[in-house]
Amino acid sequence: MQHVKRTIGRTAVIMGLCASVLAMSACGSSTTGSGDKKAAAPGAASSSWAESAGLNKTETADELYAKAKGEGSVVLYSMSSRVSDVKDSFEAKYPGIKLEAYNISSVDMLEKLIREHGAGIYNADVVFTKDTGGTFTMELLKKGIVHKYMPSDIVGKMAEPYKSQVEGLVPYVEARGIFYNAEVYKTPPIANWWDLTTPEWKGRVMLSDPMKSADTMDLFLGMVQNADDMKQAYKDKFGKDIELNGSPNAGYEFIKRLSKNDLILTNSGGDIVKAVGKTGQAKPPIGLAVSTKLREAQGQGLKLGVSYDVKPKVSQVEQALLYVGDQSKHPNAAKLLIRWMAGEADGKAAGLKPFNIAGAWSTRSDVAQAEELPLSKLNVWKYDPVYFYENSPKVRDFWLKQQ
């Protein structure tokens, strides 16, 4: 198997990026990767470019392949290292088209795309990311740095709300899972988010630092937005109404109490599941990580369990998004690749298979899931990019005050 190139940007806090997006969009940038190309300065022409590139059309794979062969390659910015498998299957299916894939975190990808676009550099043909506090939707999509491509023969087979998704094409979703040691606990030890604020779990709860992880901050934002649910969950747990102690609502109060319970912050979800699932522990920690970290247990001897049955919700839904980069030099190959990663018209394309795993849910009604829990039973809050984007600075500041 060929290796995916990895681009490592500087660590950035998504909320800080939100505040500096406008300034950065006017800045220049050095390039990364042999595929970088200079082009004219960006402007209002991006929407007309999208139309001329046929992003509003639905073409068959055969039609796109006939045109993509003349383009010869396609550049992918990906949040997941699993695109190494996509590269192999795509190049095998479509000889003559080289897939140049870069594994970049969504936060670093955001910064890279803004800097490149501001400098008139249009390197990315396909962008595979999460929304990172609503910033891809509210900044990059609105400004035409990335564009939606929603072929009807694929989107029409998706379940709602993804069939009507306005943020872009969502091939699958994930969630924040509460991971536990299955050797020690035969059933999930956590049934309510407020359990994690009790003395029993003092110093035994791990999560990625929300100042470095947009996904953790999105979880907190979901709790703040759905404070009434958190309020009811508190009453379900303790049998009395919550006292806010100066917090704006029950979501904020949860963040406060969790942070004061000797929380263990890390930089890696992988480190979390390794610490949680290690064998031979008497009092293992609980860990919060993306649900697909279940695959970490395979081949590592970890004893991992994950619970999705948590009051009031397990988390906000985490949406994988596929976009076409503005002024793509290989637009037909880009559309072909997106179709491949979304499963193609029949749902059988191998490009979706690396993401159809335990802890992930395909949005398509015609694809058999590897995850046992049906998508319709996944108990999550809706992802609200507008709310998350507008409220990230408030939640960030509140978190910092607790430290």
Protein backbone atom coordinates (compact mmCIF):
# COMPACT_ATOMS: atom_id res chain seq x y z
CA MET A 1 0.00 0.00 0.00
CA GLN A 2 1.29 3.45 -0.87
CA HIS A 3 1.78 5.94 1.91
CA VAL A 4 -0.20 9.16 2.14
CA LYS A 5 1.90 12.30 2.37
CA ARG A 6 1.49 14.06 5.69
CA THR A 7 1.55 17.84 6.00
CA ILE A 8 1.97 19.11 9.56
CA GLY A 9 0.90 22.70 10.13
CA ARG A 10 1.42 24.71 13.29
CA THR A 11 -0.93 23.87 16.13
CA ALA A 12 -3.81 26.32 16.10
CA VAL A 13 -6.87 26.91 18.26
CA ILE A 14 -9.94 26.97 16.09
CA MET A 15 -11.55 29.81 17.97
CA GLY A 16 -8.52 32.00 17.43
CA LEU A 17 -8.63 31.17 13.75
CA CYS A 18 -12.26 32.22 13.57
CA ALA A 19 -11.27 35.66 14.80
CA SER A 20 -8.41 36.01 12.34
CA VAL A 21 -9.91 34.50 9.17
CA LEU A 22 -10.53 37.83 7.47
CA ALA A 23 -7.01 39.05 8.07
CA MET A 24 -5.47 35.78 6.95
CA SER A 25 -7.46 35.67 3.73
CA ALA A 26 -5.43 38.63 2.51
CA CYS A 27 -2.07 37.11 3.47
CA GLY A 28 0.37 35.19 1.33
CA SER A 29 1.67 31.71 2.12
CA SER A 30 4.41 29.32 1.23
CA THR A 31 3.19 26.19 -0.49
CA THR A 32 3.30 22.54 0.51
CA GLY A 33 3.47 19.67 -1.94
CA SER A 34 4.53 19.39 -5.54
CA GLY A 35 1.00 20.06 -6.78
CA ASP A 36 0.87 23.74 -5.68
CA LYS A 37 0.13 26.10 -8.55
CA LYS A 38 -0.14 29.86 -8.81
CA ALA A 39 -3.28 31.43 -10.19
CA ALA A 40 -4.95 34.80 -10.40
CA ALA A 41 -6.02 36.54 -7.19
CA PRO A 42 -9.33 35.25 -5.81
CA GLY A 43 -12.46 37.31 -6.08
CA ALA A 44 -16.15 37.26 -6.84
CA ALA A 45 -15.57 35.00 -9.82
CA SER A 46 -15.55 31.89 -7.61
CA SER A 47 -19.30 31.29 -7.90
CA SER A 48 -19.23 31.59 -11.69
CA TRP A 49 -16.23 29.25 -11.72
CA ALA A 50 -18.24 26.65 -9.77
CA GLU A 51 -20.99 26.83 -12.37
CA SER A 52 -18.55 26.60 -15.26
CA ALA A 53 -16.93 23.58 -13.59
CA GLY A 54 -20.30 21.83 -13.56
CA LEU A 55 -20.62 21.53 -9.80
CA ASN A 56 -24.37 21.99 -10.17
CA LYS A 57 -24.63 19.02 -12.55
CA THR A 58 -24.96 15.28 -12.03
CA GLU A 59 -22.72 13.38 -14.43
CA THR A 60 -22.03 9.65 -14.45
CA ALA A 61 -18.70 8.22 -13.41
CA ASP A 62 -18.02 7.17 -17.00
CA GLU A 63 -18.66 10.70 -18.26
CA LEU A 64 -16.38 12.21 -15.64
CA TYR A 65 -13.63 9.62 -16.14
CA ALA A 66 -13.51 10.34 -19.87
CA LYS A 67 -12.77 14.00 -19.08
CA ALA A 68 -10.66 13.37 -15.96
CA LYS A 69 -8.14 11.24 -17.86
CA GLY A 70 -7.10 14.41 -19.65
CA GLU A 71 -6.47 16.11 -16.30
CA GLY A 72 -4.26 13.26 -15.13
CA SER A 73 -4.28 13.86 -11.37
CA VAL A 74 -6.28 15.10 -8.40
CA VAL A 75 -5.12 16.64 -5.11
CA LEU A 76 -6.90 15.75 -1.87
CA TYR A 77 -6.60 17.52 1.48
CA SER A 78 -7.86 14.96 4.00
CA MET A 79 -8.55 14.95 7.73
CA SER A 80 -8.09 11.15 7.80
CA SER A 81 -5.09 8.93 7.19
CA ARG A 82 -7.51 6.29 5.91
CA VAL A 83 -7.35 7.98 2.52
CA SER A 84 -4.31 5.78 1.87
CA ASP A 85 -6.88 3.07 1.13
CA VAL A 86 -8.90 5.51 -0.99
CA LYS A 87 -5.78 6.31 -3.00
CA ASP A 88 -5.14 2.63 -3.74
CA SER A 89 -8.72 1.83 -4.75
CA PHE A 90 -9.25 5.02 -6.76
CA GLU A 91 -6.07 4.65 -8.81
CA ALA A 92 -6.88 0.98 -9.44
CA LYS A 93 -10.39 1.82 -10.62
CA TYR A 94 -9.35 4.83 -12.70
CA PRO A 95 -5.96 4.19 -14.35
CA GLY A 96 -4.27 7.33 -15.60
CA ILE A 97 -5.41 9.53 -12.71
CA LYS A 98 -2.92 9.98 -9.87
CA LEU A 99 -4.35 10.78 -6.45
CA GLU A 100 -2.02 13.07 -4.49
CA ALA A 101 -3.33 12.87 -0.91
CA TYR A 102 -2.28 15.00 2.07
CA ASN A 103 -3.24 14.05 5.61
CA ILE A 104 -3.87 17.34 7.47
CA SER A 105 -5.91 18.03 10.59
CA SER A 106 -9.09 20.01 9.97
CA VAL A 107 -7.75 22.95 11.97
CA ASP A 108 -4.47 23.11 10.06
CA MET A 109 -6.34 22.53 6.81
CA LEU A 110 -8.54 25.51 7.53
CA GLU A 111 -5.56 27.78 7.97
CA LYS A 112 -3.77 26.35 4.94
CA LEU A 113 -6.75 26.85 2.64
CA ILE A 114 -7.28 30.42 3.78
CA ARG A 115 -3.64 31.36 3.31
CA GLU A 116 -3.35 29.67 -0.06
CA HIS A 117 -6.56 31.18 -1.39
CA GLY A 118 -5.54 34.63 -0.18
CA ALA A 119 -2.28 34.25 -2.09
CA GLY A 120 -4.01 33.08 -5.27
CA ILE A 121 -2.80 29.49 -4.85
CA TYR A 122 -5.39 26.86 -5.73
CA ASN A 123 -3.80 23.55 -4.84
CA ALA A 124 -6.67 21.53 -3.32
CA ASP A 125 -9.07 19.83 -5.71
CA VAL A 126 -10.99 17.95 -3.00
CA VAL A 127 -11.32 18.94 0.66
CA PHE A 128 -12.31 16.24 3.19
CA THR A 129 -12.92 17.72 6.63
CA LYS A 130 -15.16 18.37 9.63
CA ASP A 131 -16.70 21.79 10.13
CA THR A 132 -14.45 22.89 13.06
CA GLY A 133 -16.75 25.16 15.00
CA GLY A 134 -18.80 26.05 11.92
CA THR A 135 -15.88 27.85 10.30
CA PHE A 136 -15.82 25.86 7.06
CA THR A 137 -19.52 26.63 6.58
CA MET A 138 -19.52 30.23 7.78
CA GLU A 139 -16.22 31.33 6.25
CA LEU A 140 -14.78 29.06 3.57
CA LEU A 141 -18.05 28.00 1.98
CA LYS A 142 -19.60 31.48 2.10
CA LYS A 143 -16.46 33.11 0.71
CA GLY A 144 -16.16 30.58 -2.10
CA ILE A 145 -12.87 29.08 -0.90
CA VAL A 146 -14.58 25.69 -1.11
CA HIS A 147 -17.71 24.69 -3.04
CA LYS A 148 -20.47 22.16 -2.59
CA TYR A 149 -20.88 19.32 -5.05
CA MET A 150 -24.16 17.44 -4.49
CA PRO A 151 -24.82 14.91 -7.29
CA SER A 152 -28.49 13.99 -7.17
CA ASP A 153 -28.01 10.26 -7.85
CA ILE A 154 -26.00 10.03 -4.60
CA VAL A 155 -27.67 12.66 -2.41
CA GLY A 156 -31.10 11.27 -3.27
CA LYS A 157 -30.19 8.02 -1.51
CA MET A 158 -29.18 9.69 1.75
CA ALA A 159 -31.29 9.76 4.89
CA GLU A 160 -32.58 13.06 6.22
CA PRO A 161 -31.32 15.52 7.27
CA TYR A 162 -28.33 14.74 5.03
CA LYS A 163 -30.43 14.58 1.87
CA SER A 164 -31.26 18.25 2.47
CA GLN A 165 -27.87 19.15 3.94
CA VAL A 166 -26.98 22.77 3.25
CA GLU A 167 -23.39 22.62 4.52
CA GLY A 168 -22.21 20.17 1.86
CA LEU A 169 -22.01 16.47 0.98
CA VAL A 170 -21.88 14.27 4.12
CA PRO A 171 -20.86 10.68 3.29
CA TYR A 172 -20.87 9.55 6.92
CA VAL A 173 -21.07 10.84 10.49
CA GLU A 174 -19.34 10.10 13.79
CA ALA A 175 -19.92 11.08 17.43
CA ARG A 176 -18.00 11.68 20.63
CA GLY A 177 -18.06 8.36 22.47
CA ILE A 178 -17.56 7.68 26.17
CA PHE A 179 -14.92 4.92 26.20
CA TYR A 180 -14.45 2.57 29.13
CA ASN A 181 -12.33 -0.46 30.03
CA ALA A 182 -14.35 -3.53 29.07
CA GLU A 183 -12.14 -5.80 31.20
CA VAL A 184 -13.16 -3.99 34.39
CA TYR A 185 -16.69 -2.90 33.43
CA LYS A 186 -18.95 -5.50 31.84
CA THR A 187 -21.57 -2.81 31.16
CA PRO A 188 -21.04 0.92 30.54
CA PRO A 189 -20.33 2.67 33.87
CA ILE A 190 -21.57 6.06 32.62
CA ALA A 191 -25.26 6.63 31.91
CA ASN A 192 -25.46 10.42 32.32
CA TRP A 193 -22.96 13.15 31.45
CA TRP A 194 -23.28 14.49 35.00
CA ASP A 195 -21.80 11.21 36.31
CA LEU A 196 -18.42 12.57 35.23
CA THR A 197 -18.68 15.47 37.69
CA THR A 198 -19.05 13.22 40.76
CA PRO A 199 -16.31 12.29 43.29
CA GLU A 200 -16.26 8.71 41.94
CA TRP A 201 -14.67 9.95 38.71
CA LYS A 202 -12.42 12.65 40.17
CA GLY A 203 -9.07 12.51 38.36
CA ARG A 204 -10.26 9.67 36.12
CA VAL A 205 -11.79 11.46 33.11
CA MET A 206 -9.67 12.02 30.00
CA LEU A 207 -10.41 14.20 26.97
CA SER A 208 -8.55 16.12 24.29
CA ASP A 209 -7.77 19.68 25.33
CA PRO A 210 -10.64 21.83 23.96
CA MET A 211 -8.16 24.65 23.30
CA LYS A 212 -6.43 22.35 20.80
CA SER A 213 -9.30 20.12 19.71
CA ALA A 214 -12.15 21.66 17.73
CA ASP A 215 -14.13 18.44 18.22
CA THR A 216 -14.03 18.71 22.01
CA MET A 217 -15.01 22.36 21.84
CA ASP A 218 -17.89 21.43 19.52
CA LEU A 219 -19.09 18.97 22.17
CA PHE A 220 -19.11 21.75 24.77
CA LEU A 221 -20.91 24.04 22.33
CA GLY A 222 -23.57 21.38 21.80
CA MET A 223 -24.13 21.17 25.55
CA VAL A 224 -24.35 24.96 25.90
CA GLN A 225 -26.80 25.24 22.99
CA ASN A 226 -28.94 22.45 24.41
CA ALA A 227 -28.80 23.63 28.00
CA ASP A 228 -32.40 22.63 28.72
CA ASP A 229 -31.48 19.02 27.95
CA MET A 230 -28.47 19.27 30.28
CA LYS A 231 -30.69 20.80 32.95
CA GLN A 232 -33.13 17.88 32.75
CA ALA A 233 -30.29 15.35 32.75
CA TYR A 234 -29.01 16.92 35.98
CA LYS A 235 -32.41 16.47 37.59
CA ASP A 236 -32.57 12.88 36.35
CA LYS A 237 -29.20 12.20 37.96
CA PHE A 238 -29.50 14.03 41.27
CA GLY A 239 -33.26 14.31 41.75
CA LYS A 240 -33.27 18.08 42.14
CA ASP A 241 -33.01 21.23 40.06
CA ILE A 242 -29.56 22.47 39.19
CA GLU A 243 -27.95 25.47 40.90
CA LEU A 244 -26.05 27.43 38.28
CA ASN A 245 -23.62 29.18 40.64
CA GLY A 246 -23.27 32.12 38.29
CA SER A 247 -23.01 30.08 35.09
CA PRO A 248 -25.15 31.32 32.16
CA ASN A 249 -26.92 27.96 31.80
CA ALA A 250 -26.66 24.25 32.62
CA GLY A 251 -24.30 23.56 29.72
CA TYR A 252 -21.80 26.07 31.03
CA GLU A 253 -22.23 24.72 34.55
CA PHE A 254 -21.39 21.21 33.33
CA ILE A 255 -18.19 22.52 31.76
CA LYS A 256 -17.28 24.24 35.03
CA ARG A 257 -17.90 21.19 37.21
CA LEU A 258 -16.14 18.84 34.82
CA SER A 259 -13.05 21.06 34.68
CA LYS A 260 -12.94 21.20 38.49
CA ASN A 261 -13.01 17.40 38.83
CA ASP A 262 -9.27 16.97 38.16
CA LEU A 263 -9.81 16.48 34.45
CA ILE A 264 -6.98 14.83 32.51
CA LEU A 265 -6.30 16.74 29.28
CA THR A 266 -4.40 15.20 26.37
CA ASN A 267 -3.46 16.09 22.81
CA SER A 268 -4.51 12.79 21.24
CA GLY A 269 -7.59 10.61 21.10
CA GLY A 270 -5.26 7.71 20.43
CA ASP A 271 -3.51 8.29 23.76
CA ILE A 272 -6.91 8.37 25.48
CA VAL A 273 -8.13 4.99 24.23
CA LYS A 274 -4.75 3.39 24.97
CA ALA A 275 -4.89 4.62 28.57
CA VAL A 276 -8.52 3.56 28.97
CA GLY A 277 -8.24 0.15 27.32
CA LYS A 278 -4.95 -1.02 28.84
CA THR A 279 -5.34 -4.38 30.54
CA GLY A 280 -4.61 -5.13 34.18
CA GLN A 281 -5.98 -1.91 35.67
CA ALA A 282 -7.92 -1.75 38.93
CA LYS A 283 -9.46 1.71 38.43
CA PRO A 284 -9.05 2.65 34.77
CA PRO A 285 -10.03 6.10 33.52
CA ILE A 286 -12.96 7.02 31.33
CA GLY A 287 -12.13 8.71 28.02
CA LEU A 288 -13.98 10.93 25.56
CA ALA A 289 -12.93 10.43 21.94
CA VAL A 290 -14.33 10.12 18.46
CA SER A 291 -16.38 6.95 18.11
CA THR A 292 -14.18 5.48 15.35
CA LYS A 293 -11.34 5.12 17.85
CA LEU A 294 -12.86 1.68 18.45
CA ARG A 295 -10.60 0.48 15.66
CA GLU A 296 -7.61 1.27 17.92
CA ALA A 297 -8.51 -1.82 19.95
CA GLN A 298 -7.85 -4.07 16.98
CA GLY A 299 -4.34 -5.47 17.02
CA GLN A 300 -3.32 -3.58 20.16
CA GLY A 301 -4.82 -5.86 22.80
CA LEU A 302 -6.97 -3.08 24.24
CA LYS A 303 -10.12 -3.85 26.18
CA LEU A 304 -12.36 -1.06 24.94
CA GLY A 305 -16.06 -0.48 25.22
CA VAL A 306 -17.99 2.60 24.17
CA SER A 307 -21.39 3.85 25.28
CA TYR A 308 -23.83 5.76 23.11
CA ASP A 309 -26.67 5.43 25.63
CA VAL A 310 -25.97 8.55 27.67
CA LYS A 311 -28.38 11.20 28.96
CA PRO A 312 -29.32 13.60 27.53
CA LYS A 313 -27.42 12.86 24.26
CA VAL A 314 -24.12 11.16 23.55
CA SER A 315 -22.86 14.31 21.76
CA GLN A 316 -23.52 16.55 18.80
CA VAL A 317 -23.22 14.73 15.50
CA GLU A 318 -19.79 15.03 13.81
CA GLN A 319 -20.22 15.36 10.05
CA ALA A 320 -17.61 14.39 7.49
CA LEU A 321 -17.77 16.89 4.63
CA LEU A 322 -16.56 16.66 1.03
CA TYR A 323 -15.95 19.87 -0.94
CA VAL A 324 -14.35 20.92 -4.21
CA GLY A 325 -11.59 23.49 -3.78
CA ASP A 326 -12.08 26.83 -5.51
CA GLN A 327 -10.51 27.13 -8.97
CA SER A 328 -9.65 23.42 -8.94
CA LYS A 329 -7.23 22.56 -11.72
CA HIS A 330 -8.75 19.08 -12.02
CA PRO A 331 -12.50 19.62 -11.52
CA ASN A 332 -13.64 16.47 -13.30
CA ALA A 333 -11.21 14.29 -11.37
CA ALA A 334 -12.36 16.09 -8.21
CA LYS A 335 -16.00 15.25 -8.88
CA LEU A 336 -15.06 11.68 -9.73
CA LEU A 337 -13.11 11.32 -6.47
CA ILE A 338 -15.95 12.74 -4.37
CA ARG A 339 -18.37 10.30 -5.96
CA TRP A 340 -15.91 7.47 -5.22
CA MET A 341 -15.54 8.47 -1.55
CA ALA A 342 -19.33 8.81 -1.21
CA GLY A 343 -19.88 5.28 -2.54
CA GLU A 344 -20.87 6.14 -6.14
CA ALA A 345 -24.43 5.89 -7.44
CA ASP A 346 -24.90 2.26 -6.37
CA GLY A 347 -23.28 2.63 -2.94
CA LYS A 348 -20.70 -0.05 -3.75
CA ALA A 349 -17.62 2.04 -4.57
CA ALA A 350 -14.62 1.02 -2.48
CA GLY A 351 -13.85 4.65 -1.65
CA LEU A 352 -16.49 4.61 1.11
CA LYS A 353 -15.36 1.34 2.68
CA PRO A 354 -12.49 2.73 4.82
CA PHE A 355 -15.05 4.95 6.57
CA ASN A 356 -17.81 2.36 6.95
CA ILE A 357 -16.46 0.96 10.21
CA ALA A 358 -17.53 0.55 13.83
CA GLY A 359 -18.20 3.98 15.29
CA ALA A 360 -19.19 5.52 11.94
CA TRP A 361 -22.57 5.77 10.26
CA SER A 362 -23.06 6.02 6.51
CA THR A 363 -25.71 8.59 5.63
CA ARG A 364 -26.94 6.42 2.75
CA SER A 365 -30.02 4.26 3.09
CA ASP A 366 -28.70 1.78 0.50
CA VAL A 367 -25.38 0.98 2.26
CA ALA A 368 -25.13 -1.79 4.87
CA GLN A 369 -23.46 -0.40 7.99
CA ALA A 370 -20.52 -2.00 9.77
CA GLU A 371 -21.70 -0.26 12.96
CA GLU A 372 -24.39 -2.29 14.75
CA LEU A 373 -26.31 0.72 16.08
CA PRO A 374 -28.57 2.07 13.31
CA LEU A 375 -28.12 5.71 12.30
CA SER A 376 -31.76 6.34 13.21
CA LYS A 377 -31.01 5.25 16.80
CA LEU A 378 -27.91 7.41 17.23
CA ASN A 379 -28.90 9.79 20.04
CA VAL A 380 -27.15 13.03 19.06
CA TRP A 381 -27.83 16.75 18.84
CA LYS A 382 -27.91 18.32 15.39
CA TYR A 383 -24.75 20.11 14.32
CA ASP A 384 -25.52 23.84 14.11
CA PRO A 385 -22.66 25.65 12.32
CA VAL A 386 -24.20 29.10 12.78
CA TYR A 387 -24.60 28.74 16.54
CA PHE A 388 -21.19 27.11 16.97
CA TYR A 389 -19.46 29.78 14.92
CA GLU A 390 -21.11 32.65 16.78
CA ASN A 391 -20.64 31.19 20.27
CA SER A 392 -17.18 29.59 20.10
CA PRO A 393 -15.43 32.68 21.56
CA LYS A 394 -17.82 32.76 24.55
CA VAL A 395 -17.35 29.09 25.39
CA ARG A 396 -13.58 29.37 24.88
CA ASP A 397 -13.38 32.32 27.29
CA PHE A 398 -15.56 30.53 29.85
CA TRP A 399 -13.32 27.46 29.67
CA LEU A 400 -10.17 29.53 30.15
CA LYS A 401 -11.62 31.15 33.25
CA GLN A 402 -12.02 27.71 34.84
CA GLN A 403 -8.36 26.81 34.44
